[in-house]
Amino acid sequence: MNSLGFDKKPSDTRVVVAMSGGVDSSVAASLLHEQGYDVVGITLQLYDYGEAVARKGACCAGKDIYDAKRVAEERGFPHYVLNYQDNFKQSVIDDFVDSYLKGETPIPCVKCNQTVKFKDLLQVARDLDADCMVTGHYVQRIVNEIGQSELHRAVDPTKDQSYFLFATTQDQLDFLRFPLGGWTKDMTRTHADRLGLVNADKPDSQDICFVPNGDYTAVVKKIAPEAKRHGQIIHLDGRVLGEHEGILHYTVGQRKGLGIGGGFTDNNEPLYVVAVDAQSAQVIVGPKEALARDIVLLKNGNWLIDPSFSSPISIDVKLRSTTRAVPATLICQADRVAAITLHDPQYGVSPGQAAVCYQGGRVIGGGWITETQLSHIKKAA
């Protein structure tokens, strides 16, 4: 059994590696090639190459395509660039814009993994007769005692990317491999230096790849001019506190940049965005306690355990990529709908984000947040 779990020599095992141009996927590809695997590197061109060259701090940009090609050439394995601009626009960018128009807060990286990378690219890997597809994600694929592959958090909690991969299906997980999931980032850098990779010191990507300089509002307005629709900022008590220049500038839980100044509350206590009403173009604000929610409703659930369970099960759930997982109870319903009851109310839970469910270190699935509520019991208390 080789290191990727196949009962044959590495040289007889074809591996397609999704190479973003960053150090992580470059190390994964280079190490597998060093170990004798039949490696094929593939990089996706996701948006206009000319525009991409000028962008810094984003993955899959023009410089990244060049870096991936350089790594493959210097290490001696084949590399191909596939133009997926149309797929990416339809599956990721258009969805990103639509979410903001609905008053939601989208996560394009999850959509990209769910569609372009783990659907379209994975099919390319199968068409190339690959035994598996490898990525540089920091997440673990563990095969349990009955031979089923499970998705687990990475060993390094500071680099764990399991939240962004919750939509991975069982069939996809069986075909995928994540060789860096048991490593720290320092270990990856050490191997990059040892291998002499041209991007060994390259910083991690920070921005959404198709959003230059982090200005997502400019992207949304360019694609959907109606996003500039002005509206009112309204307090929960009904007072009109000001006007805004488009709901896309606001997200549930936001405190800064509301554009209304102070003097509206006792002791000038801060106000937060409590809700965004896309239909009326209203931004509703209130005190922090008005953000408390302990019921989270989901759609389009993807489950890596038996999805037919109808009895409540205990979980930990992450409601944003940057927050810690909190204890909760999960009930799955028909049509991939689910309801999560949090043990303690949380603040700033926003529709459009993902709720990712864990049992211990294992990702059991998750879904997209459609609605949040505060239970009557909590209200009465």
Protein backbone atom coordinates (compact mmCIF):
# COMPACT_ATOMS: atom_id res chain seq x y z
CA MET A 1 0.00 0.00 0.00
CA ASN A 2 1.57 3.29 -1.04
CA SER A 3 1.34 6.57 0.92
CA LEU A 4 -1.84 7.61 -0.92
CA GLY A 5 -3.63 4.38 -0.07
CA PHE A 6 -3.31 2.47 -3.34
CA ASP A 7 -2.06 -1.09 -3.63
CA LYS A 8 0.52 -0.38 -6.32
CA LYS A 9 3.84 1.35 -6.83
CA PRO A 10 3.89 5.18 -6.77
CA SER A 11 5.14 5.17 -10.36
CA ASP A 12 1.93 3.37 -11.39
CA THR A 13 -0.26 5.85 -9.48
CA ARG A 14 -1.37 8.91 -11.43
CA VAL A 15 -2.03 11.97 -9.30
CA VAL A 16 -3.58 15.20 -10.54
CA VAL A 17 -2.57 18.10 -8.29
CA ALA A 18 -4.64 21.29 -8.24
CA MET A 19 -1.89 23.93 -8.24
CA SER A 20 -2.94 27.43 -7.27
CA GLY A 21 0.59 28.82 -7.58
CA GLY A 22 0.97 29.10 -3.82
CA VAL A 23 3.53 27.33 -1.69
CA ASP A 24 1.12 24.74 -0.26
CA SER A 25 -0.01 23.08 -3.49
CA SER A 26 3.49 23.47 -4.95
CA VAL A 27 4.99 21.53 -2.04
CA ALA A 28 2.29 18.85 -2.28
CA ALA A 29 2.97 18.33 -6.00
CA SER A 30 6.74 18.43 -5.65
CA LEU A 31 6.87 15.97 -2.76
CA LEU A 32 4.65 13.47 -4.54
CA HIS A 33 6.83 13.75 -7.63
CA GLU A 34 9.92 13.27 -5.45
CA GLN A 35 8.34 10.11 -4.04
CA GLY A 36 7.96 8.72 -7.55
CA TYR A 37 4.28 9.33 -8.25
CA ASP A 38 3.03 10.08 -11.78
CA VAL A 39 2.16 13.72 -11.08
CA VAL A 40 0.19 16.01 -13.39
CA GLY A 41 -0.19 19.63 -12.25
CA ILE A 42 -3.25 21.63 -13.28
CA THR A 43 -3.86 25.33 -12.68
CA LEU A 44 -7.16 27.02 -13.38
CA GLN A 45 -7.37 30.41 -15.08
CA LEU A 46 -10.43 31.82 -13.39
CA TYR A 47 -10.56 35.37 -14.70
CA ASP A 48 -8.97 37.62 -17.31
CA TYR A 49 -5.25 36.90 -17.39
CA GLY A 50 -4.25 40.49 -18.24
CA GLU A 51 -6.16 41.89 -15.28
CA ALA A 52 -4.97 39.10 -13.02
CA VAL A 53 -1.28 39.92 -13.52
CA ALA A 54 -1.68 43.22 -11.67
CA ARG A 55 -3.42 41.74 -8.63
CA LYS A 56 -1.48 41.01 -5.48
CA GLY A 57 -2.39 38.94 -2.44
CA ALA A 58 -4.92 36.73 -4.25
CA CYS A 59 -4.81 33.12 -5.37
CA CYS A 60 -5.20 31.97 -8.96
CA ALA A 61 -3.92 35.30 -10.33
CA GLY A 62 -1.59 35.73 -13.32
CA LYS A 63 1.60 35.61 -11.26
CA ASP A 64 0.29 32.47 -9.56
CA ILE A 65 -0.21 30.70 -12.89
CA TYR A 66 3.36 31.58 -13.80
CA ASP A 67 4.68 30.35 -10.43
CA ALA A 68 2.86 27.03 -10.75
CA LYS A 69 4.28 26.52 -14.23
CA ARG A 70 7.80 27.37 -13.02
CA VAL A 71 7.58 24.86 -10.16
CA ALA A 72 6.41 22.10 -12.50
CA GLU A 73 9.14 22.86 -15.05
CA GLU A 74 11.91 22.93 -12.46
CA ARG A 75 10.75 19.75 -10.72
CA GLY A 76 10.14 17.95 -14.01
CA PHE A 77 6.45 17.02 -14.16
CA PRO A 78 3.80 18.10 -16.69
CA HIS A 79 1.60 21.10 -16.02
CA TYR A 80 -1.49 22.42 -17.78
CA VAL A 81 -3.53 25.62 -17.51
CA LEU A 82 -7.27 25.26 -18.04
CA ASN A 83 -9.46 28.25 -18.87
CA TYR A 84 -12.44 28.08 -16.53
CA GLN A 85 -13.46 31.74 -16.68
CA ASP A 86 -17.03 31.03 -17.80
CA ASN A 87 -17.55 28.28 -15.21
CA PHE A 88 -16.10 30.48 -12.48
CA LYS A 89 -18.24 33.50 -13.38
CA GLN A 90 -21.45 31.48 -13.45
CA SER A 91 -20.80 29.36 -10.37
CA VAL A 92 -18.94 31.78 -8.11
CA ILE A 93 -18.93 35.44 -9.15
CA ASP A 94 -22.60 35.64 -10.17
CA ASP A 95 -23.61 33.82 -6.99
CA PHE A 96 -21.46 36.22 -4.97
CA VAL A 97 -23.22 39.23 -6.48
CA ASP A 98 -26.69 37.71 -6.12
CA SER A 99 -26.07 37.04 -2.43
CA TYR A 100 -25.24 40.66 -1.73
CA LEU A 101 -28.33 41.79 -3.64
CA LYS A 102 -30.38 39.56 -1.33
CA GLY A 103 -28.85 41.15 1.76
CA GLU A 104 -26.71 38.08 2.53
CA THR A 105 -23.00 37.70 3.27
CA PRO A 106 -21.54 35.14 0.81
CA ILE A 107 -18.48 32.88 1.03
CA PRO A 108 -17.14 32.56 -2.53
CA CYS A 109 -14.24 30.26 -1.54
CA VAL A 110 -16.71 27.57 -0.46
CA LYS A 111 -18.66 27.94 -3.71
CA CYS A 112 -15.42 27.66 -5.69
CA ASN A 113 -14.44 24.44 -3.92
CA GLN A 114 -17.98 23.10 -4.24
CA THR A 115 -18.31 23.75 -7.97
CA VAL A 116 -15.24 24.63 -10.02
CA LYS A 117 -12.54 22.77 -8.08
CA PHE A 118 -14.25 19.71 -6.65
CA LYS A 119 -16.72 19.23 -9.48
CA ASP A 120 -15.33 20.50 -12.78
CA LEU A 121 -11.62 20.01 -12.06
CA LEU A 122 -12.20 16.70 -10.33
CA GLN A 123 -13.96 15.44 -13.46
CA VAL A 124 -10.91 16.48 -15.51
CA ALA A 125 -8.77 14.39 -13.16
CA ARG A 126 -11.01 11.39 -13.72
CA ASP A 127 -10.87 11.96 -17.48
CA LEU A 128 -7.07 11.84 -17.24
CA ASP A 129 -7.36 8.42 -15.60
CA ALA A 130 -5.97 9.74 -12.34
CA ASP A 131 -6.19 7.56 -9.27
CA CYS A 132 -6.83 10.61 -7.12
CA MET A 133 -6.74 14.41 -7.02
CA VAL A 134 -4.54 16.24 -4.51
CA THR A 135 -4.88 19.76 -3.14
CA GLY A 136 -2.81 21.82 -0.72
CA HIS A 137 -5.68 22.36 1.74
CA TYR A 138 -4.96 22.00 5.44
CA VAL A 139 -7.54 19.35 6.26
CA GLN A 140 -7.32 15.62 6.95
CA ARG A 141 -8.92 12.71 5.13
CA ILE A 142 -8.99 9.74 7.48
CA VAL A 143 -10.16 6.25 6.52
CA ASN A 144 -12.15 4.67 9.36
CA GLU A 145 -12.31 1.03 10.47
CA ILE A 146 -15.01 0.16 7.91
CA GLY A 147 -13.05 1.69 5.03
CA GLN A 148 -15.04 4.92 4.77
CA SER A 149 -13.16 8.18 4.22
CA GLU A 150 -13.90 10.92 6.74
CA LEU A 151 -13.15 14.65 6.68
CA HIS A 152 -11.31 15.94 9.76
CA ARG A 153 -9.81 19.17 10.98
CA ALA A 154 -6.13 19.78 10.22
CA VAL A 155 -3.52 19.10 12.87
CA ASP A 156 -2.58 22.81 12.86
CA PRO A 157 -5.66 24.68 14.18
CA THR A 158 -4.29 28.00 12.93
CA LYS A 159 -4.32 26.72 9.32
CA ASP A 160 -7.36 24.43 9.42
CA GLN A 161 -9.53 24.90 6.30
CA SER A 162 -12.23 22.33 7.03
CA TYR A 163 -14.90 25.06 7.26
CA PHE A 164 -14.39 25.84 3.57
CA LEU A 165 -14.69 22.18 2.53
CA PHE A 166 -17.93 21.21 4.27
CA ALA A 167 -19.73 20.87 0.92
CA THR A 168 -17.38 18.09 -0.22
CA THR A 169 -19.47 15.02 -1.03
CA GLN A 170 -18.60 11.48 0.02
CA ASP A 171 -17.80 10.51 -3.58
CA GLN A 172 -15.48 13.50 -3.94
CA LEU A 173 -13.82 12.81 -0.59
CA ASP A 174 -13.09 9.23 -1.63
CA PHE A 175 -11.17 10.58 -4.66
CA LEU A 176 -9.37 13.46 -2.92
CA ARG A 177 -6.14 13.50 -0.93
CA PHE A 178 -4.81 16.25 1.37
CA PRO A 179 -1.15 15.46 2.16
CA LEU A 180 -0.56 18.66 4.19
CA GLY A 181 -3.39 18.13 6.67
CA GLY A 182 -1.08 16.59 9.25
CA TRP A 183 1.51 19.36 8.99
CA THR A 184 2.11 22.82 10.35
CA LYS A 185 2.77 25.66 7.94
CA ASP A 186 6.37 25.83 9.18
CA MET A 187 6.90 22.26 8.02
CA THR A 188 5.55 23.13 4.58
CA ARG A 189 7.92 26.11 4.35
CA THR A 190 10.83 23.91 5.41
CA HIS A 191 10.16 21.47 2.58
CA ALA A 192 9.68 24.34 0.12
CA ASP A 193 13.14 25.63 1.04
CA ARG A 194 14.67 22.15 0.83
CA LEU A 195 13.18 21.61 -2.62
CA GLY A 196 14.30 25.07 -3.74
CA LEU A 197 10.85 26.09 -4.95
CA VAL A 198 10.64 29.51 -6.58
CA ASN A 199 7.66 30.42 -4.38
CA ALA A 200 9.08 29.11 -1.10
CA ASP A 201 8.77 32.51 0.58
CA LYS A 202 5.52 33.52 -1.07
CA PRO A 203 2.99 34.90 1.45
CA ASP A 204 -0.41 33.26 1.87
CA SER A 205 -3.24 34.70 -0.20
CA GLN A 206 -5.49 37.03 1.77
CA ASP A 207 -8.09 38.53 -0.56
CA ILE A 208 -10.93 36.96 -2.49
CA CYS A 209 -9.21 36.15 -5.78
CA PHE A 210 -11.53 38.17 -8.05
CA VAL A 211 -11.78 41.16 -5.70
CA PRO A 212 -8.86 43.56 -6.28
CA ASN A 213 -7.59 45.33 -3.14
CA GLY A 214 -10.40 43.81 -1.08
CA ASP A 215 -13.01 46.20 -2.52
CA TYR A 216 -15.86 43.75 -3.05
CA THR A 217 -18.41 46.57 -3.38
CA ALA A 218 -16.75 47.78 -6.60
CA VAL A 219 -17.10 44.30 -8.10
CA VAL A 220 -20.76 44.01 -7.11
CA LYS A 221 -21.63 47.48 -8.44
CA LYS A 222 -19.86 46.84 -11.74
CA ILE A 223 -21.77 43.63 -12.37
CA ALA A 224 -25.09 44.74 -10.84
CA PRO A 225 -25.56 48.55 -10.95
CA GLU A 226 -28.86 48.15 -9.09
CA ALA A 227 -26.77 47.41 -5.99
CA LYS A 228 -26.31 51.19 -5.68
CA ARG A 229 -29.96 51.58 -4.67
CA HIS A 230 -30.17 53.96 -1.72
CA GLY A 231 -32.33 53.29 1.32
CA GLN A 232 -32.90 54.06 4.96
CA ILE A 233 -31.07 53.04 8.11
CA ILE A 234 -33.75 52.32 10.68
CA HIS A 235 -33.54 51.64 14.40
CA LEU A 236 -35.46 48.68 15.79
CA ASP A 237 -37.75 51.15 17.54
CA GLY A 238 -38.79 52.61 14.17
CA ARG A 239 -36.67 55.76 14.10
CA VAL A 240 -35.04 56.67 10.81
CA LEU A 241 -31.39 57.34 11.66
CA GLY A 242 -30.00 58.05 8.21
CA GLU A 243 -29.60 56.89 4.63
CA HIS A 244 -27.26 54.42 2.98
CA GLU A 245 -25.86 54.04 -0.53
CA GLY A 246 -26.62 50.36 -0.98
CA ILE A 247 -27.26 47.37 1.30
CA LEU A 248 -24.13 45.66 0.00
CA HIS A 249 -22.13 47.90 2.36
CA TYR A 250 -23.71 46.20 5.39
CA THR A 251 -23.65 42.79 7.01
CA VAL A 252 -25.35 41.42 10.11
CA GLY A 253 -23.22 42.08 13.17
CA GLN A 254 -21.42 45.08 11.65
CA ARG A 255 -20.61 47.88 14.07
CA LYS A 256 -18.23 50.23 12.28
CA GLY A 257 -18.89 52.25 9.16
CA LEU A 258 -22.65 52.53 9.59
CA GLY A 259 -22.57 56.14 8.43
CA ILE A 260 -24.99 57.53 11.01
CA GLY A 261 -22.72 59.14 13.60
CA GLY A 262 -23.61 59.07 17.29
CA GLY A 263 -26.10 60.50 19.73
CA PHE A 264 -28.92 58.05 19.05
CA THR A 265 -28.55 55.92 22.19
CA ASP A 266 -28.17 56.42 25.91
CA ASN A 267 -24.52 56.90 26.87
CA ASN A 268 -23.79 56.81 23.14
CA GLU A 269 -23.68 53.01 23.19
CA PRO A 270 -22.76 51.47 19.82
CA LEU A 271 -25.33 50.24 17.33
CA TYR A 272 -25.02 47.10 15.22
CA VAL A 273 -26.59 45.89 12.00
CA VAL A 274 -29.33 43.52 13.16
CA ALA A 275 -30.89 42.76 9.77
CA VAL A 276 -30.73 43.72 6.09
CA ASP A 277 -34.04 43.93 4.20
CA ALA A 278 -33.21 43.66 0.52
CA GLN A 279 -36.78 44.13 -0.68
CA SER A 280 -37.25 47.50 1.02
CA ALA A 281 -33.54 48.41 0.87
CA GLN A 282 -33.54 48.98 4.62
CA VAL A 283 -30.71 48.40 7.07
CA ILE A 284 -32.04 47.73 10.57
CA VAL A 285 -29.78 48.56 13.51
CA GLY A 286 -30.02 48.07 17.24
CA PRO A 287 -28.05 47.26 20.41
CA LYS A 288 -25.74 44.26 20.61
CA GLU A 289 -28.25 42.22 22.60
CA ALA A 290 -30.66 42.42 19.65
CA LEU A 291 -28.19 40.27 17.66
CA ALA A 292 -28.59 37.26 19.97
CA ARG A 293 -29.76 34.15 18.11
CA ASP A 294 -29.98 30.52 19.23
CA ILE A 295 -31.84 28.93 16.30
CA VAL A 296 -30.17 28.65 12.89
CA LEU A 297 -32.02 27.30 9.84
CA LEU A 298 -30.11 25.80 6.93
CA LYS A 299 -30.71 24.92 3.29
CA ASN A 300 -28.77 22.79 0.78
CA GLY A 301 -27.25 20.63 3.48
CA ASN A 302 -24.38 18.29 2.65
CA TRP A 303 -23.88 15.45 5.12
CA LEU A 304 -20.94 13.09 5.46
CA ILE A 305 -22.88 10.86 7.83
CA ASP A 306 -26.21 9.12 7.22
CA PRO A 307 -28.49 12.07 6.28
CA SER A 308 -31.65 10.16 7.19
CA PHE A 309 -31.24 10.82 10.91
CA SER A 310 -34.27 12.65 12.30
CA SER A 311 -33.50 12.53 16.02
CA PRO A 312 -31.48 15.42 17.48
CA ILE A 313 -27.73 14.84 17.63
CA SER A 314 -25.11 16.74 19.60
CA ILE A 315 -22.57 18.71 17.58
CA ASP A 316 -20.21 21.64 17.65
CA VAL A 317 -20.92 24.21 14.93
CA LYS A 318 -18.92 26.99 13.33
CA LEU A 319 -21.09 29.86 12.09
CA ARG A 320 -18.29 31.86 10.48
CA SER A 321 -14.84 30.84 9.33
CA THR A 322 -13.16 33.07 11.92
CA THR A 323 -15.20 32.02 14.97
CA ARG A 324 -14.74 29.02 17.23
CA ALA A 325 -17.12 26.07 17.13
CA VAL A 326 -19.84 26.16 19.79
CA PRO A 327 -22.03 23.37 21.25
CA ALA A 328 -25.40 22.84 19.58
CA THR A 329 -28.06 20.31 18.62
CA LEU A 330 -28.77 19.38 15.01
CA ILE A 331 -31.96 18.05 13.45
CA CYS A 332 -32.05 17.20 9.74
CA GLN A 333 -35.30 17.47 7.82
CA ALA A 334 -36.42 16.69 4.28
CA ASP A 335 -35.04 18.34 1.13
CA ARG A 336 -31.58 18.97 2.67
CA VAL A 337 -33.04 21.38 5.22
CA ALA A 338 -31.78 21.38 8.80
CA ALA A 339 -32.28 23.24 12.07
CA ILE A 340 -29.57 23.93 14.63
CA THR A 341 -30.31 24.94 18.22
CA LEU A 342 -27.35 26.60 19.93
CA HIS A 343 -26.77 25.89 23.61
CA ASP A 344 -26.00 29.57 24.13
CA PRO A 345 -27.07 32.49 21.90
CA GLN A 346 -24.48 33.78 19.46
CA TYR A 347 -24.13 37.25 17.94
CA GLY A 348 -23.82 38.35 14.32
CA VAL A 349 -25.01 35.12 12.68
CA SER A 350 -25.66 36.13 9.08
CA PRO A 351 -27.72 34.55 6.28
CA GLY A 352 -25.47 33.54 3.39
CA GLN A 353 -22.75 32.19 5.67
CA ALA A 354 -22.20 28.48 6.25
CA ALA A 355 -22.93 26.52 9.40
CA VAL A 356 -20.37 23.70 9.54
CA CYS A 357 -21.02 20.84 11.94
CA TYR A 358 -18.40 18.80 13.80
CA GLN A 359 -18.32 15.80 16.09
CA GLY A 360 -14.94 15.89 17.74
CA GLY A 361 -12.45 16.65 14.98
CA ARG A 362 -14.67 15.20 12.24
CA VAL A 363 -16.67 17.32 9.83
CA ILE A 364 -20.09 15.68 9.54
CA GLY A 365 -21.43 18.28 7.09
CA GLY A 366 -23.23 21.58 7.08
CA GLY A 367 -25.41 23.93 5.09
CA TRP A 368 -26.14 27.52 4.14
CA ILE A 369 -27.76 29.78 6.71
CA THR A 370 -31.15 31.06 5.53
CA GLU A 371 -32.67 32.39 8.73
CA THR A 372 -31.88 32.93 12.40
CA GLN A 373 -34.21 33.23 15.37
CA LEU A 374 -34.23 33.72 19.13
CA SER A 375 -36.35 31.09 20.85
CA HIS A 376 -39.30 32.11 23.01
CA ILE A 377 -37.66 30.52 26.03
CA LYS A 378 -34.62 32.74 25.62
CA LYS A 379 -36.80 35.80 25.02
CA ALA A 380 -38.81 35.12 28.15
CA ALA A 381 -35.67 34.71 30.20
